[in-house]
Amino acid sequence: MRINYERCGYCGACVGVCKSMAIELIENRVVIYEDRCKKCKACMIVCPLKALEE
């Protein structure tokens, strides 16, 4: 997964839905830890701005 920062509104919706704790909101910046990501795509589904991409 990767984040399109031009679209991201930093709402944290993706953080709340990630069961593998692969996404964090740190100082108004969304960070994805690829080594933890299970590629379930829950973050893509919940993102209101469609900022997450494969």
N, C-alpha and C. Protein backbone atom coordinates (compact mmCIF):
# COMPACT_ATOMS: atom_id res chain seq x y z
N MET A 1 0.83 -1.18 0.00
CA MET A 1 0.00 0.00 0.00
C MET A 1 0.88 1.24 0.00
N ARG A 2 0.36 2.27 -0.62
CA ARG A 2 1.04 3.56 -0.54
C ARG A 2 -0.01 4.66 -0.48
N ILE A 3 0.41 5.80 0.00
CA ILE A 3 -0.50 6.92 0.20
C ILE A 3 -0.24 7.99 -0.85
N ASN A 4 -1.31 8.46 -1.45
CA ASN A 4 -1.23 9.60 -2.34
C ASN A 4 -1.42 10.82 -1.45
N TYR A 5 -0.31 11.46 -1.07
CA TYR A 5 -0.36 12.56 -0.11
C TYR A 5 -1.07 13.79 -0.67
N GLU A 6 -1.21 13.88 -1.97
CA GLU A 6 -1.95 14.99 -2.56
C GLU A 6 -3.44 14.86 -2.30
N ARG A 7 -3.91 13.63 -2.10
CA ARG A 7 -5.33 13.38 -1.82
C ARG A 7 -5.62 13.26 -0.33
N CYS A 8 -4.65 12.81 0.44
CA CYS A 8 -4.85 12.49 1.85
C CYS A 8 -5.27 13.71 2.66
N GLY A 9 -6.33 13.53 3.47
CA GLY A 9 -6.80 14.59 4.34
C GLY A 9 -6.37 14.38 5.79
N TYR A 10 -5.57 13.33 6.05
CA TYR A 10 -5.02 13.04 7.37
C TYR A 10 -6.11 12.88 8.43
N CYS A 11 -7.20 12.24 8.04
CA CYS A 11 -8.33 12.05 8.95
C CYS A 11 -8.11 10.90 9.93
N GLY A 12 -7.26 9.94 9.57
CA GLY A 12 -6.97 8.81 10.44
C GLY A 12 -7.93 7.65 10.31
N ALA A 13 -8.85 7.70 9.36
CA ALA A 13 -9.80 6.59 9.17
C ALA A 13 -9.07 5.28 8.88
N CYS A 14 -8.02 5.35 8.10
CA CYS A 14 -7.25 4.16 7.74
C CYS A 14 -6.54 3.57 8.97
N VAL A 15 -6.11 4.43 9.86
CA VAL A 15 -5.42 3.99 11.07
C VAL A 15 -6.37 3.17 11.94
N GLY A 16 -7.58 3.65 12.09
CA GLY A 16 -8.55 2.99 12.95
C GLY A 16 -9.01 1.64 12.46
N VAL A 17 -8.95 1.41 11.16
CA VAL A 17 -9.46 0.16 10.59
C VAL A 17 -8.36 -0.90 10.41
N CYS A 18 -7.11 -0.52 10.53
CA CYS A 18 -6.00 -1.44 10.28
C CYS A 18 -5.78 -2.39 11.46
N LYS A 19 -6.14 -3.66 11.28
CA LYS A 19 -6.02 -4.65 12.36
C LYS A 19 -4.58 -5.08 12.60
N SER A 20 -3.72 -4.92 11.61
CA SER A 20 -2.32 -5.32 11.77
C SER A 20 -1.45 -4.17 12.28
N MET A 21 -2.07 -3.04 12.58
CA MET A 21 -1.38 -1.87 13.11
C MET A 21 -0.22 -1.44 12.21
N ALA A 22 -0.47 -1.48 10.91
CA ALA A 22 0.54 -1.13 9.92
C ALA A 22 0.50 0.34 9.54
N ILE A 23 -0.49 1.07 10.04
CA ILE A 23 -0.64 2.48 9.68
C ILE A 23 -0.70 3.32 10.95
N GLU A 24 0.05 4.41 10.94
CA GLU A 24 0.04 5.33 12.06
C GLU A 24 -0.09 6.76 11.54
N LEU A 25 -0.66 7.60 12.37
CA LEU A 25 -0.75 9.03 12.09
C LEU A 25 0.24 9.69 13.04
N ILE A 26 1.35 10.16 12.48
CA ILE A 26 2.42 10.75 13.28
C ILE A 26 2.63 12.19 12.84
N GLU A 27 2.38 13.12 13.76
CA GLU A 27 2.56 14.54 13.48
C GLU A 27 1.91 14.96 12.17
N ASN A 28 0.62 14.64 12.04
CA ASN A 28 -0.17 14.98 10.84
C ASN A 28 0.39 14.37 9.56
N ARG A 29 0.97 13.19 9.66
CA ARG A 29 1.51 12.47 8.51
C ARG A 29 1.15 11.00 8.67
N VAL A 30 0.56 10.41 7.65
CA VAL A 30 0.20 9.00 7.68
C VAL A 30 1.41 8.19 7.23
N VAL A 31 1.75 7.18 8.04
CA VAL A 31 2.90 6.33 7.75
C VAL A 31 2.42 4.89 7.66
N ILE A 32 2.83 4.18 6.60
CA ILE A 32 2.50 2.77 6.43
C ILE A 32 3.77 1.95 6.62
N TYR A 33 3.69 0.95 7.49
CA TYR A 33 4.79 0.02 7.72
C TYR A 33 4.53 -1.22 6.85
N GLU A 34 5.19 -1.29 5.72
CA GLU A 34 4.97 -2.36 4.75
C GLU A 34 5.20 -3.74 5.34
N ASP A 35 6.13 -3.88 6.26
CA ASP A 35 6.42 -5.18 6.85
C ASP A 35 5.28 -5.70 7.71
N ARG A 36 4.41 -4.84 8.17
CA ARG A 36 3.24 -5.25 8.97
C ARG A 36 1.98 -5.41 8.13
N CYS A 37 1.93 -4.79 6.98
CA CYS A 37 0.73 -4.76 6.14
C CYS A 37 0.37 -6.15 5.62
N LYS A 38 -0.89 -6.55 5.79
CA LYS A 38 -1.39 -7.85 5.33
C LYS A 38 -2.11 -7.75 4.00
N LYS A 39 -2.13 -6.55 3.40
CA LYS A 39 -2.77 -6.31 2.10
C LYS A 39 -4.26 -6.66 2.09
N CYS A 40 -4.93 -6.41 3.21
CA CYS A 40 -6.37 -6.71 3.30
C CYS A 40 -7.22 -5.66 2.59
N LYS A 41 -6.66 -4.49 2.36
CA LYS A 41 -7.29 -3.37 1.66
C LYS A 41 -8.41 -2.69 2.44
N ALA A 42 -8.53 -2.98 3.72
CA ALA A 42 -9.54 -2.31 4.55
C ALA A 42 -9.31 -0.81 4.56
N CYS A 43 -8.07 -0.39 4.57
CA CYS A 43 -7.75 1.03 4.57
C CYS A 43 -8.21 1.70 3.28
N MET A 44 -8.06 1.01 2.16
CA MET A 44 -8.50 1.55 0.88
C MET A 44 -10.02 1.72 0.85
N ILE A 45 -10.72 0.77 1.42
CA ILE A 45 -12.18 0.78 1.42
C ILE A 45 -12.72 1.93 2.28
N VAL A 46 -12.11 2.15 3.43
CA VAL A 46 -12.63 3.13 4.38
C VAL A 46 -12.20 4.57 4.08
N CYS A 47 -11.16 4.76 3.29
CA CYS A 47 -10.65 6.10 3.02
C CYS A 47 -11.67 6.93 2.24
N PRO A 48 -12.15 8.04 2.83
CA PRO A 48 -13.16 8.85 2.15
C PRO A 48 -12.61 9.62 0.93
N LEU A 49 -11.31 9.79 0.89
CA LEU A 49 -10.70 10.55 -0.20
C LEU A 49 -9.98 9.67 -1.23
N LYS A 50 -10.07 8.35 -1.03
CA LYS A 50 -9.43 7.38 -1.94
C LYS A 50 -7.94 7.69 -2.11
N ALA A 51 -7.26 7.95 -0.99
CA ALA A 51 -5.85 8.33 -1.02
C ALA A 51 -4.89 7.15 -0.95
N LEU A 52 -5.42 5.95 -0.67
CA LEU A 52 -4.56 4.78 -0.58
C LEU A 52 -4.60 3.99 -1.88
N GLU A 53 -3.42 3.55 -2.30
CA GLU A 53 -3.28 2.83 -3.57
C GLU A 53 -2.41 1.60 -3.36
N GLU A 54 -2.55 0.64 -4.27
CA GLU A 54 -1.70 -0.56 -4.21
C GLU A 54 -0.36 -0.30 -4.85
